[in-house]
Amino acid sequence: MSRVARKETQMARPDPHEKAAALNGGAAPVEPTIDQVRELLFGEKHRSNEQQHRDLETAIAGLRADMLERFSMLESRMADLDRETERRHATAIDGIGSALSDLGAHVRKLAEPRVRK
C-alpha cells in the first residue's frame, strides 16, 4: 500500500475517544482508573503535605501576631524612654540656667564696691 493510501485509511478510522465523546453528548470519557491509581499511590502523601502546609500557615500566623505584639511593646517602651530623656534634658537645662544665674549674682556681688566702716 502506498503512503498516501495508508494516510487516507488512518484518517478515515474514527478515534475511539471521539466515538465515546459523541455517545456521551460531546464530553470526553473520564478515565477513573488513572485517578484511582494516582490516589492509591500519592493520595496519603498529598493529604499529609496539605496538612503540614496548613500547620505551617497556622504557626506563621501565630509568630506574626507575636512579633506584632512585641513590636508594639517595643515602640511603647521607646516612646516612654523618649519622654523620659526629654524630661531629663529639660531638667538639666533648667539646672544649668539656675547655675548661670547664681554665678551672675555672685559676680555682681564681687563687682560691688565694698562699704568701709
Protein backbone atom coordinates (compact mmCIF):
# COMPACT_ATOMS: atom_id res chain seq x y z
CA MET A 1 0.00 0.00 0.00
CA SER A 2 1.29 3.44 -0.81
CA ARG A 3 1.92 6.12 1.70
CA VAL A 4 -1.00 8.19 0.52
CA ALA A 5 -3.38 5.26 0.73
CA ARG A 6 -2.16 4.43 4.23
CA LYS A 7 -2.72 8.02 5.36
CA GLU A 8 -6.22 8.06 3.96
CA THR A 9 -7.16 4.85 5.78
CA GLN A 10 -5.70 6.13 9.03
CA MET A 11 -7.59 9.39 8.72
CA ALA A 12 -10.77 7.58 7.84
CA ARG A 13 -10.73 5.47 11.02
CA PRO A 14 -12.65 7.08 13.85
CA ASP A 15 -10.81 7.66 17.11
CA PRO A 16 -12.32 5.53 19.92
CA HIS A 17 -12.36 8.58 22.21
CA GLU A 18 -14.23 10.62 19.62
CA LYS A 19 -16.79 7.82 19.27
CA ALA A 20 -17.30 7.71 23.05
CA ALA A 21 -17.47 11.50 23.18
CA ALA A 22 -20.18 11.50 20.57
CA LEU A 23 -22.17 8.96 22.57
CA ASN A 24 -21.71 10.89 25.86
CA GLY A 25 -23.03 14.11 24.44
CA GLY A 26 -19.67 15.66 23.50
CA ALA A 27 -17.81 15.15 26.80
CA ALA A 28 -14.56 13.20 26.73
CA PRO A 29 -14.70 9.99 28.74
CA VAL A 30 -13.12 10.11 32.16
CA GLU A 31 -10.51 7.51 32.96
CA PRO A 32 -11.30 6.76 36.62
CA THR A 33 -8.64 4.09 36.84
CA ILE A 34 -5.84 6.65 36.41
CA ASP A 35 -7.33 8.79 39.14
CA GLN A 36 -7.75 5.78 41.38
CA VAL A 37 -4.14 4.71 40.81
CA ARG A 38 -2.95 8.26 41.48
CA GLU A 39 -5.00 8.35 44.68
CA LEU A 40 -3.62 4.99 45.81
CA LEU A 41 -0.03 5.95 45.06
CA PHE A 42 0.08 9.60 46.13
CA GLY A 43 -3.18 10.37 47.95
CA GLU A 44 -1.96 9.92 51.51
CA LYS A 45 1.25 11.87 50.87
CA HIS A 46 -0.75 14.64 49.20
CA ARG A 47 -3.11 14.90 52.18
CA SER A 48 -0.14 14.80 54.54
CA ASN A 49 1.56 17.61 52.65
CA GLU A 50 -1.62 19.68 52.71
CA GLN A 51 -1.94 19.18 56.49
CA GLN A 52 1.69 20.18 57.00
CA HIS A 53 1.07 23.26 54.86
CA ARG A 54 -1.94 24.22 57.00
CA ASP A 55 0.10 23.63 60.18
CA LEU A 56 2.90 25.85 58.88
CA GLU A 57 0.43 28.57 57.91
CA THR A 58 -1.04 28.45 61.42
CA ALA A 59 2.41 28.61 63.02
CA ILE A 60 3.42 31.54 60.80
CA ALA A 61 0.21 33.40 61.69
CA GLY A 62 0.94 32.83 65.40
CA LEU A 63 4.51 34.05 65.03
CA ARG A 64 3.34 37.09 63.08
CA ALA A 65 0.85 38.00 65.81
CA ASP A 66 3.53 37.52 68.48
CA MET A 67 6.04 39.67 66.58
CA LEU A 68 3.46 42.44 66.03
CA GLU A 69 2.70 42.43 69.75
CA ARG A 70 6.39 42.59 70.62
CA PHE A 71 6.98 45.43 68.13
CA SER A 72 4.07 47.31 69.68
CA MET A 73 5.53 46.86 73.17
CA LEU A 74 8.97 47.93 71.91
CA GLU A 75 7.54 51.07 70.28
CA SER A 76 5.69 51.89 73.50
CA ARG A 77 8.88 51.44 75.54
CA MET A 78 10.85 53.60 73.11
CA ALA A 79 8.21 56.34 73.37
CA ASP A 80 8.43 56.17 77.19
CA LEU A 81 12.23 56.40 77.05
CA ASP A 82 11.99 59.34 74.64
CA ARG A 83 9.69 61.21 77.03
CA GLU A 84 11.99 60.43 79.95
CA THR A 85 15.00 61.67 78.01
CA GLU A 86 13.19 64.90 77.09
CA ARG A 87 12.24 65.42 80.75
CA ARG A 88 15.83 64.89 81.93
CA HIS A 89 17.09 67.18 79.19
CA ALA A 90 14.70 69.95 80.26
CA THR A 91 15.67 69.45 83.92
CA ALA A 92 19.38 69.65 83.03
CA ILE A 93 18.83 72.86 81.05
CA ASP A 94 16.92 74.38 83.97
CA GLY A 95 19.76 73.39 86.30
CA ILE A 96 22.35 74.98 84.01
CA GLY A 97 20.25 78.14 83.75
CA SER A 98 19.92 78.33 87.54
CA ALA A 99 23.65 77.79 87.97
CA LEU A 100 24.41 80.58 85.50
CA SER A 101 22.00 82.93 87.31
CA ASP A 102 23.67 82.13 90.64
CA LEU A 103 27.09 82.68 89.07
CA GLY A 104 25.94 86.04 87.63
CA ALA A 105 24.62 87.11 91.04
CA HIS A 106 27.88 86.08 92.66
CA VAL A 107 29.91 88.05 90.07
CA ARG A 108 27.72 91.14 90.64
CA LYS A 109 28.38 90.86 94.38
CA LEU A 110 32.10 90.74 93.74
CA ALA A 111 31.90 93.78 91.45
CA GLU A 112 30.08 95.91 94.05
CA PRO A 113 32.28 98.27 95.93
CA ARG A 114 32.90 97.32 99.47
CA VAL A 115 31.49 99.60 102.04
CA ARG A 116 34.07 100.57 104.66
CA LYS A 117 33.05 101.28 108.11
